[in-house]
Amino acid sequence: MTPREHLTAKEVQIATLVWQGLTNREIGKIVGTTEQVIKNHLRSAFDKLGVWSRLELAMYVASHGGKNWVPISEPDMVPSEAAATERVSALGG
């Protein structure tokens, strides 16, 4: 079993949104919860994947399939690739 397979669907969703460059506040609005709950999910995902930061998480997602992380049953939960590219560009990437 790969480390990604240990993540819950919500952790996969949040990790993918982090990879796309969204802040905890933006992720919370998409998911419909608070920033603190997002932080809790991130902490859990960090532990399961063996990463220490949002940057490491984003790099892990990118190196393990990136946009293919979206569960097939929930294809609409992640913004478009174009939106992600715009967000990364805006962040100076």
PDB file of N, CA and C in Angstrom:
ATOM      1  N   MET A   1       0.849  -1.177   0.000  1.00  0.00           N
ATOM      2  CA  MET A   1       0.000   0.000   0.000  1.00  0.00           C
ATOM      3  C   MET A   1       0.896   1.242   0.000  1.00  0.00           C
ATOM      4  N   THR A   2       0.625   2.169  -0.913  1.00  0.00           N
ATOM      5  CA  THR A   2       1.416   3.395  -0.993  1.00  0.00           C
ATOM      6  C   THR A   2       0.962   4.376   0.086  1.00  0.00           C
ATOM      7  N   PRO A   3       1.826   5.329   0.461  1.00  0.00           N
ATOM      8  CA  PRO A   3       1.416   6.304   1.471  1.00  0.00           C
ATOM      9  C   PRO A   3       0.139   7.045   1.091  1.00  0.00           C
ATOM     10  N   ARG A   4      -0.042   7.356  -0.197  1.00  0.00           N
ATOM     11  CA  ARG A   4      -1.241   8.073  -0.629  1.00  0.00           C
ATOM     12  C   ARG A   4      -2.504   7.284  -0.318  1.00  0.00           C
ATOM     13  N   GLU A   5      -2.423   5.974  -0.397  1.00  0.00           N
ATOM     14  CA  GLU A   5      -3.596   5.138  -0.144  1.00  0.00           C
ATOM     15  C   GLU A   5      -4.032   5.160   1.317  1.00  0.00           C
ATOM     16  N   HIS A   6      -3.180   5.680   2.202  1.00  0.00           N
ATOM     17  CA  HIS A   6      -3.531   5.811   3.615  1.00  0.00           C
ATOM     18  C   HIS A   6      -4.325   7.091   3.885  1.00  0.00           C
ATOM     19  N   LEU A   7      -4.345   8.015   2.914  1.00  0.00           N
ATOM     20  CA  LEU A   7      -5.053   9.274   3.101  1.00  0.00           C
ATOM     21  C   LEU A   7      -6.558   9.088   2.930  1.00  0.00           C
ATOM     22  N   THR A   8      -7.307   9.880   3.675  1.00  0.00           N
ATOM     23  CA  THR A   8      -8.755   9.901   3.483  1.00  0.00           C
ATOM     24  C   THR A   8      -9.061  10.686   2.207  1.00  0.00           C
ATOM     25  N   ALA A   9     -10.284  10.577   1.717  1.00  0.00           N
ATOM     26  CA  ALA A   9     -10.687  11.332   0.522  1.00  0.00           C
ATOM     27  C   ALA A   9     -10.539  12.836   0.764  1.00  0.00           C
ATOM     28  N   LYS A  10     -10.867  13.290   1.961  1.00  0.00           N
ATOM     29  CA  LYS A  10     -10.751  14.714   2.296  1.00  0.00           C
ATOM     30  C   LYS A  10      -9.285  15.148   2.300  1.00  0.00           C
ATOM     31  N   GLU A  11      -8.398  14.312   2.818  1.00  0.00           N
ATOM     32  CA  GLU A  11      -6.970  14.639   2.817  1.00  0.00           C
ATOM     33  C   GLU A  11      -6.419  14.695   1.393  1.00  0.00           C
ATOM     34  N   VAL A  12      -6.884  13.798   0.540  1.00  0.00           N
ATOM     35  CA  VAL A  12      -6.473  13.824  -0.869  1.00  0.00           C
ATOM     36  C   VAL A  12      -6.948  15.126  -1.506  1.00  0.00           C
ATOM     37  N   GLN A  13      -8.191  15.497  -1.253  1.00  0.00           N
ATOM     38  CA  GLN A  13      -8.742  16.728  -1.805  1.00  0.00           C
ATOM     39  C   GLN A  13      -7.918  17.930  -1.351  1.00  0.00           C
ATOM     40  N   ILE A  14      -7.635  18.006  -0.074  1.00  0.00           N
ATOM     41  CA  ILE A  14      -6.905  19.146   0.473  1.00  0.00           C
ATOM     42  C   ILE A  14      -5.473  19.161  -0.045  1.00  0.00           C
ATOM     43  N   ALA A  15      -4.822  18.002  -0.106  1.00  0.00           N
ATOM     44  CA  ALA A  15      -3.456  17.940  -0.630  1.00  0.00           C
ATOM     45  C   ALA A  15      -3.408  18.415  -2.074  1.00  0.00           C
ATOM     46  N   THR A  16      -4.402  18.048  -2.863  1.00  0.00           N
ATOM     47  CA  THR A  16      -4.461  18.474  -4.260  1.00  0.00           C
ATOM     48  C   THR A  16      -4.652  19.984  -4.355  1.00  0.00           C
ATOM     49  N   LEU A  17      -5.477  20.533  -3.499  1.00  0.00           N
ATOM     50  CA  LEU A  17      -5.697  21.978  -3.505  1.00  0.00           C
ATOM     51  C   LEU A  17      -4.449  22.725  -3.043  1.00  0.00           C
ATOM     52  N   VAL A  18      -3.704  22.177  -2.092  1.00  0.00           N
ATOM     53  CA  VAL A  18      -2.425  22.765  -1.691  1.00  0.00           C
ATOM     54  C   VAL A  18      -1.475  22.753  -2.880  1.00  0.00           C
ATOM     55  N   TRP A  19      -1.408  21.623  -3.582  1.00  0.00           N
ATOM     56  CA  TRP A  19      -0.557  21.498  -4.761  1.00  0.00           C
ATOM     57  C   TRP A  19      -0.916  22.560  -5.803  1.00  0.00           C
ATOM     58  N   GLN A  20      -2.196  22.913  -5.877  1.00  0.00           N
ATOM     59  CA  GLN A  20      -2.628  23.918  -6.840  1.00  0.00           C
ATOM     60  C   GLN A  20      -2.383  25.347  -6.362  1.00  0.00           C
ATOM     61  N   GLY A  21      -1.870  25.502  -5.162  1.00  0.00           N
ATOM     62  CA  GLY A  21      -1.470  26.815  -4.675  1.00  0.00           C
ATOM     63  C   GLY A  21      -2.485  27.562  -3.847  1.00  0.00           C
ATOM     64  N   LEU A  22      -3.543  26.913  -3.414  1.00  0.00           N
ATOM     65  CA  LEU A  22      -4.558  27.585  -2.614  1.00  0.00           C
ATOM     66  C   LEU A  22      -4.114  27.714  -1.158  1.00  0.00           C
ATOM     67  N   THR A  23      -4.594  28.764  -0.508  1.00  0.00           N
ATOM     68  CA  THR A  23      -4.320  28.965   0.916  1.00  0.00           C
ATOM     69  C   THR A  23      -5.299  28.133   1.743  1.00  0.00           C
ATOM     70  N   ASN A  24      -5.007  28.013   3.033  1.00  0.00           N
ATOM     71  CA  ASN A  24      -5.930  27.295   3.923  1.00  0.00           C
ATOM     72  C   ASN A  24      -7.307  27.957   3.924  1.00  0.00           C
ATOM     73  N   ARG A  25      -7.337  29.282   3.897  1.00  0.00           N
ATOM     74  CA  ARG A  25      -8.615  29.994   3.884  1.00  0.00           C
ATOM     75  C   ARG A  25      -9.400  29.657   2.617  1.00  0.00           C
ATOM     76  N   GLU A  26      -8.727  29.677   1.458  1.00  0.00           N
ATOM     77  CA  GLU A  26      -9.395  29.360   0.195  1.00  0.00           C
ATOM     78  C   GLU A  26      -9.875  27.908   0.182  1.00  0.00           C
ATOM     79  N   ILE A  27      -9.042  27.015   0.703  1.00  0.00           N
ATOM     80  CA  ILE A  27      -9.419  25.600   0.758  1.00  0.00           C
ATOM     81  C   ILE A  27     -10.631  25.426   1.671  1.00  0.00           C
ATOM     82  N   GLY A  28     -10.622  26.104   2.798  1.00  0.00           N
ATOM     83  CA  GLY A  28     -11.747  26.030   3.727  1.00  0.00           C
ATOM     84  C   GLY A  28     -13.057  26.451   3.081  1.00  0.00           C
ATOM     85  N   LYS A  29     -13.011  27.490   2.255  1.00  0.00           N
ATOM     86  CA  LYS A  29     -14.226  27.945   1.564  1.00  0.00           C
ATOM     87  C   LYS A  29     -14.703  26.901   0.565  1.00  0.00           C
ATOM     88  N   ILE A  30     -13.773  26.283  -0.156  1.00  0.00           N
ATOM     89  CA  ILE A  30     -14.148  25.263  -1.137  1.00  0.00           C
ATOM     90  C   ILE A  30     -14.737  24.043  -0.442  1.00  0.00           C
ATOM     91  N   VAL A  31     -14.078  23.615   0.639  1.00  0.00           N
ATOM     92  CA  VAL A  31     -14.484  22.406   1.349  1.00  0.00           C
ATOM     93  C   VAL A  31     -15.691  22.671   2.254  1.00  0.00           C
ATOM     94  N   GLY A  32     -15.859  23.920   2.649  1.00  0.00           N
ATOM     95  CA  GLY A  32     -16.987  24.267   3.516  1.00  0.00           C
ATOM     96  C   GLY A  32     -16.689  24.054   4.982  1.00  0.00           C
ATOM     97  N   THR A  33     -15.467  24.411   5.384  1.00  0.00           N
ATOM     98  CA  THR A  33     -15.083  24.248   6.778  1.00  0.00           C
ATOM     99  C   THR A  33     -14.124  25.374   7.164  1.00  0.00           C
ATOM    100  N   THR A  34     -13.615  25.307   8.387  1.00  0.00           N
ATOM    101  CA  THR A  34     -12.733  26.364   8.891  1.00  0.00           C
ATOM    102  C   THR A  34     -11.276  26.101   8.547  1.00  0.00           C
ATOM    103  N   GLU A  35     -10.475  27.157   8.668  1.00  0.00           N
ATOM    104  CA  GLU A  35      -9.031  27.017   8.448  1.00  0.00           C
ATOM    105  C   GLU A  35      -8.427  26.018   9.442  1.00  0.00           C
ATOM    106  N   GLN A  36      -8.920  26.013  10.674  1.00  0.00           N
ATOM    107  CA  GLN A  36      -8.377  25.095  11.677  1.00  0.00           C
ATOM    108  C   GLN A  36      -8.602  23.642  11.282  1.00  0.00           C
ATOM    109  N   VAL A  37      -9.767  23.329  10.748  1.00  0.00           N
ATOM    110  CA  VAL A  37     -10.043  21.963  10.294  1.00  0.00           C
ATOM    111  C   VAL A  37      -9.112  21.604   9.142  1.00  0.00           C
ATOM    112  N   ILE A  38      -8.866  22.554   8.248  1.00  0.00           N
ATOM    113  CA  ILE A  38      -7.936  22.319   7.144  1.00  0.00           C
ATOM    114  C   ILE A  38      -6.547  22.027   7.702  1.00  0.00           C
ATOM    115  N   LYS A  39      -6.102  22.798   8.687  1.00  0.00           N
ATOM    116  CA  LYS A  39      -4.801  22.565   9.320  1.00  0.00           C
ATOM    117  C   LYS A  39      -4.735  21.169   9.932  1.00  0.00           C
ATOM    118  N   ASN A  40      -5.827  20.737  10.547  1.00  0.00           N
ATOM    119  CA  ASN A  40      -5.858  19.400  11.140  1.00  0.00           C
ATOM    120  C   ASN A  40      -5.706  18.316  10.068  1.00  0.00           C
ATOM    121  N   HIS A  41      -6.411  18.484   8.958  1.00  0.00           N
ATOM    122  CA  HIS A  41      -6.292  17.522   7.848  1.00  0.00           C
ATOM    123  C   HIS A  41      -4.862  17.528   7.291  1.00  0.00           C
ATOM    124  N   LEU A  42      -4.283  18.722   7.167  1.00  0.00           N
ATOM    125  CA  LEU A  42      -2.911  18.813   6.645  1.00  0.00           C
ATOM    126  C   LEU A  42      -1.925  18.118   7.574  1.00  0.00           C
ATOM    127  N   ARG A  43      -2.063  18.344   8.869  1.00  0.00           N
ATOM    128  CA  ARG A  43      -1.162  17.706   9.834  1.00  0.00           C
ATOM    129  C   ARG A  43      -1.239  16.183   9.712  1.00  0.00           C
ATOM    130  N   SER A  44      -2.446  15.678   9.567  1.00  0.00           N
ATOM    131  CA  SER A  44      -2.639  14.243   9.412  1.00  0.00           C
ATOM    132  C   SER A  44      -2.005  13.744   8.106  1.00  0.00           C
ATOM    133  N   ALA A  45      -2.215  14.481   7.026  1.00  0.00           N
ATOM    134  CA  ALA A  45      -1.638  14.099   5.730  1.00  0.00           C
ATOM    135  C   ALA A  45      -0.113  14.156   5.792  1.00  0.00           C
ATOM    136  N   PHE A  46       0.437  15.189   6.438  1.00  0.00           N
ATOM    137  CA  PHE A  46       1.894  15.291   6.590  1.00  0.00           C
ATOM    138  C   PHE A  46       2.437  14.038   7.268  1.00  0.00           C
ATOM    139  N   ASP A  47       1.795  13.649   8.366  1.00  0.00           N
ATOM    140  CA  ASP A  47       2.254  12.469   9.115  1.00  0.00           C
ATOM    141  C   ASP A  47       2.196  11.208   8.262  1.00  0.00           C
ATOM    142  N   LYS A  48       1.121  11.038   7.525  1.00  0.00           N
ATOM    143  CA  LYS A  48       0.944   9.829   6.716  1.00  0.00           C
ATOM    144  C   LYS A  48       1.913   9.765   5.544  1.00  0.00           C
ATOM    145  N   LEU A  49       2.271  10.933   4.995  1.00  0.00           N
ATOM    146  CA  LEU A  49       3.152  10.966   3.825  1.00  0.00           C
ATOM    147  C   LEU A  49       4.617  11.175   4.181  1.00  0.00           C
ATOM    148  N   GLY A  50       4.883  11.520   5.436  1.00  0.00           N
ATOM    149  CA  GLY A  50       6.263  11.747   5.862  1.00  0.00           C
ATOM    150  C   GLY A  50       6.834  13.056   5.346  1.00  0.00           C
ATOM    151  N   VAL A  51       5.981  14.088   5.260  1.00  0.00           N
ATOM    152  CA  VAL A  51       6.441  15.410   4.846  1.00  0.00           C
ATOM    153  C   VAL A  51       6.269  16.373   6.012  1.00  0.00           C
ATOM    154  N   TRP A  52       6.939  17.536   5.916  1.00  0.00           N
ATOM    155  CA  TRP A  52       6.952  18.468   7.033  1.00  0.00           C
ATOM    156  C   TRP A  52       6.324  19.818   6.740  1.00  0.00           C
ATOM    157  N   SER A  53       6.028  20.093   5.469  1.00  0.00           N
ATOM    158  CA  SER A  53       5.522  21.420   5.120  1.00  0.00           C
ATOM    159  C   SER A  53       4.585  21.354   3.925  1.00  0.00           C
ATOM    160  N   ARG A  54       3.898  22.477   3.675  1.00  0.00           N
ATOM    161  CA  ARG A  54       3.018  22.583   2.511  1.00  0.00           C
ATOM    162  C   ARG A  54       3.823  22.420   1.226  1.00  0.00           C
ATOM    163  N   LEU A  55       5.032  22.994   1.213  1.00  0.00           N
ATOM    164  CA  LEU A  55       5.876  22.881   0.024  1.00  0.00           C
ATOM    165  C   LEU A  55       6.226  21.419  -0.245  1.00  0.00           C
ATOM    166  N   GLU A  56       6.641  20.703   0.795  1.00  0.00           N
ATOM    167  CA  GLU A  56       6.958  19.278   0.621  1.00  0.00           C
ATOM    168  C   GLU A  56       5.721  18.496   0.184  1.00  0.00           C
ATOM    169  N   LEU A  57       4.567  18.848   0.732  1.00  0.00           N
ATOM    170  CA  LEU A  57       3.327  18.179   0.340  1.00  0.00           C
ATOM    171  C   LEU A  57       3.043  18.430  -1.137  1.00  0.00           C
ATOM    172  N   ALA A  58       3.156  19.683  -1.564  1.00  0.00           N
ATOM    173  CA  ALA A  58       2.915  20.022  -2.969  1.00  0.00           C
ATOM    174  C   ALA A  58       3.897  19.285  -3.881  1.00  0.00           C
ATOM    175  N   MET A  59       5.144  19.194  -3.468  1.00  0.00           N
ATOM    176  CA  MET A  59       6.145  18.484  -4.268  1.00  0.00           C
ATOM    177  C   MET A  59       5.830  16.989  -4.311  1.00  0.00           C
ATOM    178  N   TYR A  60       5.357  16.437  -3.211  1.00  0.00           N
ATOM    179  CA  TYR A  60       4.977  15.022  -3.169  1.00  0.00           C
ATOM    180  C   TYR A  60       3.823  14.760  -4.141  1.00  0.00           C
ATOM    181  N   VAL A  61       2.799  15.612  -4.082  1.00  0.00           N
ATOM    182  CA  VAL A  61       1.653  15.450  -4.983  1.00  0.00           C
ATOM    183  C   VAL A  61       2.121  15.553  -6.430  1.00  0.00           C
ATOM    184  N   ALA A  62       2.936  16.559  -6.733  1.00  0.00           N
ATOM    185  CA  ALA A  62       3.421  16.762  -8.101  1.00  0.00           C
ATOM    186  C   ALA A  62       4.207  15.561  -8.608  1.00  0.00           C
ATOM    187  N   SER A  63       5.033  14.981  -7.750  1.00  0.00           N
ATOM    188  CA  SER A  63       5.875  13.862  -8.180  1.00  0.00           C
ATOM    189  C   SER A  63       5.143  12.519  -8.176  1.00  0.00           C
ATOM    190  N   HIS A  64       3.904  12.517  -7.679  1.00  0.00           N
ATOM    191  CA  HIS A  64       3.122  11.283  -7.638  1.00  0.00           C
ATOM    192  C   HIS A  64       1.798  11.403  -8.391  1.00  0.00           C
ATOM    193  N   GLY A  65       1.796  12.182  -9.457  1.00  0.00           N
ATOM    194  CA  GLY A  65       0.619  12.208 -10.318  1.00  0.00           C
ATOM    195  C   GLY A  65      -0.142  13.506 -10.387  1.00  0.00           C
ATOM    196  N   GLY A  66       0.100  14.437  -9.468  1.00  0.00           N
ATOM    197  CA  GLY A  66      -0.539  15.748  -9.533  1.00  0.00           C
ATOM    198  C   GLY A  66      -2.041  15.699  -9.729  1.00  0.00           C
ATOM    199  N   LYS A  67      -2.497  16.145 -10.898  1.00  0.00           N
ATOM    200  CA  LYS A  67      -3.948  16.243 -11.139  1.00  0.00           C
ATOM    201  C   LYS A  67      -4.645  14.895 -11.092  1.00  0.00           C
ATOM    202  N   ASN A  68      -3.913  13.810 -11.226  1.00  0.00           N
ATOM    203  CA  ASN A  68      -4.521  12.482 -11.157  1.00  0.00           C
ATOM    204  C   ASN A  68      -4.853  12.062  -9.733  1.00  0.00           C
ATOM    205  N   TRP A  69      -4.552  12.915  -8.757  1.00  0.00           N
ATOM    206  CA  TRP A  69      -4.885  12.620  -7.368  1.00  0.00           C
ATOM    207  C   TRP A  69      -6.373  12.748  -7.095  1.00  0.00           C
ATOM    208  N   VAL A  70      -7.101  13.440  -7.938  1.00  0.00           N
ATOM    209  CA  VAL A  70      -8.530  13.648  -7.714  1.00  0.00           C
ATOM    210  C   VAL A  70      -9.240  12.308  -7.785  1.00  0.00           C
ATOM    211  N   PRO A  71      -9.957  11.930  -6.741  1.00  0.00           N
ATOM    212  CA  PRO A  71     -10.702  10.672  -6.793  1.00  0.00           C
ATOM    213  C   PRO A  71     -11.695  10.682  -7.953  1.00  0.00           C
ATOM    214  N   ILE A  72     -11.797   9.586  -8.660  1.00  0.00           N
ATOM    215  CA  ILE A  72     -12.675   9.479  -9.821  1.00  0.00           C
ATOM    216  C   ILE A  72     -14.119   9.817  -9.444  1.00  0.00           C
ATOM    217  N   SER A  73     -14.521   9.482  -8.244  1.00  0.00           N
ATOM    218  CA  SER A  73     -15.902   9.723  -7.824  1.00  0.00           C
ATOM    219  C   SER A  73     -16.198  11.196  -7.570  1.00  0.00           C
ATOM    220  N   GLU A  74     -15.153  12.038  -7.509  1.00  0.00           N
ATOM    221  CA  GLU A  74     -15.351  13.453  -7.207  1.00  0.00           C
ATOM    222  C   GLU A  74     -14.572  14.343  -8.176  1.00  0.00           C
ATOM    223  N   PRO A  75     -14.825  14.277  -9.489  1.00  0.00           N
ATOM    224  CA  PRO A  75     -14.031  15.034 -10.447  1.00  0.00           C
ATOM    225  C   PRO A  75     -14.211  16.538 -10.381  1.00  0.00           C
ATOM    226  N   ASP A  76     -15.280  17.041  -9.785  1.00  0.00           N
ATOM    227  CA  ASP A  76     -15.523  18.473  -9.758  1.00  0.00           C
ATOM    228  C   ASP A  76     -14.971  19.162  -8.523  1.00  0.00           C
ATOM    229  N   MET A  77     -14.270  18.462  -7.672  1.00  0.00           N
ATOM    230  CA  MET A  77     -13.854  19.066  -6.419  1.00  0.00           C
ATOM    231  C   MET A  77     -12.585  19.886  -6.527  1.00  0.00           C
ATOM    232  N   VAL A  78     -11.901  19.861  -7.673  1.00  0.00           N
ATOM    233  CA  VAL A  78     -10.647  20.582  -7.829  1.00  0.00           C
ATOM    234  C   VAL A  78     -10.785  21.600  -8.950  1.00  0.00           C
ATOM    235  N   PRO A  79     -10.297  22.844  -8.722  1.00  0.00           N
ATOM    236  CA  PRO A  79     -10.363  23.843  -9.783  1.00  0.00           C
ATOM    237  C   PRO A  79      -9.610  23.382 -11.024  1.00  0.00           C
ATOM    238  N   SER A  80      -9.900  24.002 -12.139  1.00  0.00           N
ATOM    239  CA  SER A  80      -9.281  23.619 -13.406  1.00  0.00           C
ATOM    240  C   SER A  80      -7.777  23.807 -13.378  1.00  0.00           C
ATOM    241  N   GLU A  81      -7.087  23.113 -14.261  1.00  0.00           N
ATOM    242  CA  GLU A  81      -5.641  23.230 -14.369  1.00  0.00           C
ATOM    243  C   GLU A  81      -5.259  24.657 -14.738  1.00  0.00           C
ATOM    244  N   ALA A  82      -6.044  25.313 -15.572  1.00  0.00           N
ATOM    245  CA  ALA A  82      -5.774  26.697 -15.954  1.00  0.00           C
ATOM    246  C   ALA A  82      -5.816  27.609 -14.739  1.00  0.00           C
ATOM    247  N   ALA A  83      -6.801  27.407 -13.866  1.00  0.00           N
ATOM    248  CA  ALA A  83      -6.903  28.216 -12.646  1.00  0.00           C
ATOM    249  C   ALA A  83      -5.706  27.974 -11.755  1.00  0.00           C
ATOM    250  N   ALA A  84      -5.257  26.735 -11.662  1.00  0.00           N
ATOM    251  CA  ALA A  84      -4.084  26.421 -10.850  1.00  0.00           C
ATOM    252  C   ALA A  84      -2.841  27.091 -11.416  1.00  0.00           C
ATOM    253  N   THR A  85      -2.689  27.068 -12.729  1.00  0.00           N
ATOM    254  CA  THR A  85      -1.539  27.697 -13.372  1.00  0.00           C
ATOM    255  C   THR A  85      -1.540  29.190 -13.127  1.00  0.00           C
ATOM    256  N   GLU A  86      -2.712  29.829 -13.230  1.00  0.00           N
ATOM    257  CA  GLU A  86      -2.819  31.247 -12.958  1.00  0.00           C
ATOM    258  C   GLU A  86      -2.424  31.558 -11.526  1.00  0.00           C
ATOM    259  N   ARG A  87      -2.877  30.726 -10.588  1.00  0.00           N
ATOM    260  CA  ARG A  87      -2.585  30.944  -9.175  1.00  0.00           C
ATOM    261  C   ARG A  87      -1.080  30.827  -8.907  1.00  0.00           C
ATOM    262  N   VAL A  88      -0.434  29.812  -9.511  1.00  0.00           N
ATOM    263  CA  VAL A  88       1.007  29.627  -9.332  1.00  0.00           C
ATOM    264  C   VAL A  88       1.752  30.812  -9.924  1.00  0.00           C
ATOM    265  N   SER A  89       1.331  31.290 -11.090  1.00  0.00           N
ATOM    266  CA  SER A  89       1.961  32.450 -11.714  1.00  0.00           C
ATOM    267  C   SER A  89       1.840  33.674 -10.820  1.00  0.00           C
ATOM    268  N   ALA A  90       0.666  33.850 -10.221  1.00  0.00           N
ATOM    269  CA  ALA A  90       0.431  34.986  -9.342  1.00  0.00           C
ATOM    270  C   ALA A  90       1.311  34.919  -8.104  1.00  0.00           C
ATOM    271  N   LEU A  91       1.678  33.716  -7.702  1.00  0.00           N
ATOM    272  CA  LEU A  91       2.526  33.529  -6.524  1.00  0.00           C
ATOM    273  C   LEU A  91       4.010  33.664  -6.872  1.00  0.00           C
ATOM    274  N   GLY A  92       4.309  33.906  -8.148  1.00  0.00           N
ATOM    275  CA  GLY A  92       5.699  34.084  -8.559  1.00  0.00           C
ATOM    276  C   GLY A  92       6.367  32.820  -9.001  1.00  0.00           C
ATOM    277  N   GLY A  93       5.583  31.776  -9.345  1.00  0.00           N
ATOM    278  CA  GLY A  93       6.150  30.488  -9.712  1.00  0.00           C
ATOM    279  C   GLY A  93       6.136  30.295 -11.124  1.00  0.00           C
TER     280      GLY A  93
END
